């Protein structure tokens, strides 16, 4: 799979500031969507959030976007399984 991404200078500066705050580097999360946005992009990238940041609904800090430009038709793309959530306390 090939993804073409674009970052503005402001987005690169945001990554650099976050990396300096961390002291070691920066972790980002990339999402590939089924639908395209108004600019024909289906890939988003943001600075990875901690569990606490996600639970407090802190706004994501987006640092890039792009689109999938090639998928090898001879390869299988596997998806991570979803965690099962228990909806009740019934043990049966």
Protein backbone atom coordinates (compact mmCIF):
# COMPACT_ATOMS: atom_id res chain seq x y z
CA UNK A 1 0.00 0.00 0.00
CA UNK A 2 1.28 3.46 -0.81
CA UNK A 3 0.03 6.63 0.84
CA UNK A 4 0.83 10.11 -0.40
CA UNK A 5 0.77 12.66 2.44
CA UNK A 6 1.15 16.43 2.60
CA UNK A 7 2.20 18.54 5.57
CA UNK A 8 2.30 22.30 5.81
CA UNK A 9 5.17 24.12 7.49
CA UNK A 10 2.84 24.86 10.42
CA UNK A 11 2.09 21.14 10.79
CA UNK A 12 5.82 20.31 10.72
CA UNK A 13 6.47 22.94 13.37
CA UNK A 14 3.69 21.47 15.52
CA UNK A 15 5.37 18.05 15.26
CA UNK A 16 8.75 19.52 16.18
CA UNK A 17 7.37 21.34 19.22
CA UNK A 18 5.62 18.16 20.44
CA UNK A 19 8.79 16.10 19.90
CA UNK A 20 10.87 18.59 21.88
CA UNK A 21 8.32 18.51 24.73
CA UNK A 22 8.55 14.73 24.81
CA UNK A 23 12.34 14.88 24.81
CA UNK A 24 12.79 11.81 22.62
CA UNK A 25 10.54 12.04 19.59
CA UNK A 26 6.90 11.95 18.62
CA UNK A 27 4.33 9.27 17.97
CA UNK A 28 1.58 9.82 15.42
CA UNK A 29 -1.58 7.91 14.56
CA UNK A 30 -2.66 7.45 10.94
CA UNK A 31 -6.25 6.73 9.96
CA UNK A 32 -7.27 5.39 6.55
CA UNK A 33 -10.93 6.08 5.84
CA UNK A 34 -13.38 4.47 3.42
CA UNK A 35 -14.73 7.82 2.24
CA UNK A 36 -12.95 10.82 0.74
CA UNK A 37 -13.21 14.36 2.12
CA UNK A 38 -13.89 17.52 0.11
CA UNK A 39 -10.24 17.57 -1.03
CA UNK A 40 -10.19 13.92 -2.19
CA UNK A 41 -8.18 12.81 0.87
CA UNK A 42 -8.88 9.62 2.81
CA UNK A 43 -5.86 9.57 5.15
CA UNK A 44 -5.52 11.63 8.34
CA UNK A 45 -2.61 11.85 10.75
CA UNK A 46 -2.53 13.30 14.25
CA UNK A 47 -0.27 13.32 17.29
CA UNK A 48 -1.03 10.20 19.30
CA UNK A 49 -3.10 10.89 22.41
CA UNK A 50 -2.72 9.27 25.81
CA UNK A 51 -5.60 7.27 27.27
CA UNK A 52 -6.37 10.17 29.61
CA UNK A 53 -6.49 12.65 26.71
CA UNK A 54 -8.86 10.38 24.76
CA UNK A 55 -11.12 9.83 27.78
CA UNK A 56 -11.32 13.57 28.48
CA UNK A 57 -12.29 14.11 24.82
CA UNK A 58 -9.29 16.40 24.19
CA UNK A 59 -9.26 17.65 20.60
CA UNK A 60 -6.82 15.85 18.28
CA UNK A 61 -3.83 17.75 16.97
CA UNK A 62 -3.89 17.02 13.23
CA UNK A 63 -0.52 17.14 11.48
CA UNK A 64 -1.15 15.75 8.02
CA UNK A 65 -3.53 14.38 5.46
CA UNK A 66 -3.30 12.53 2.18
CA UNK A 67 -4.70 9.68 0.18
CA UNK A 68 -4.07 6.04 -0.60
CA UNK A 69 -2.56 5.98 -4.06
CA UNK A 70 -1.92 2.26 -4.54
CA UNK A 71 -3.04 -1.03 -3.03
CA UNK A 72 -1.42 -4.24 -4.25
CA UNK A 73 -4.33 -6.41 -5.48
CA UNK A 74 -2.33 -9.58 -4.67
CA UNK A 75 -1.97 -8.81 -0.96
CA UNK A 76 -4.49 -9.28 1.81
CA UNK A 77 -4.99 -6.41 4.21
CA UNK A 78 -5.86 -7.63 7.69
CA UNK A 79 -7.69 -5.57 10.25
CA UNK A 80 -7.06 -5.67 13.99
CA UNK A 81 -9.94 -7.41 15.76
CA UNK A 82 -12.25 -5.26 17.84
CA UNK A 83 -12.28 -5.82 21.57
CA UNK A 84 -15.45 -7.44 22.78
CA UNK A 85 -17.35 -5.25 25.18
CA UNK A 86 -19.46 -6.75 27.93
CA UNK A 87 -22.86 -5.06 28.00
CA UNK A 88 -24.25 -6.73 31.11
CA UNK A 89 -23.12 -8.63 34.18
CA UNK A 90 -24.83 -11.86 33.19
CA UNK A 91 -22.18 -14.64 33.29
CA UNK A 92 -24.24 -16.86 30.95
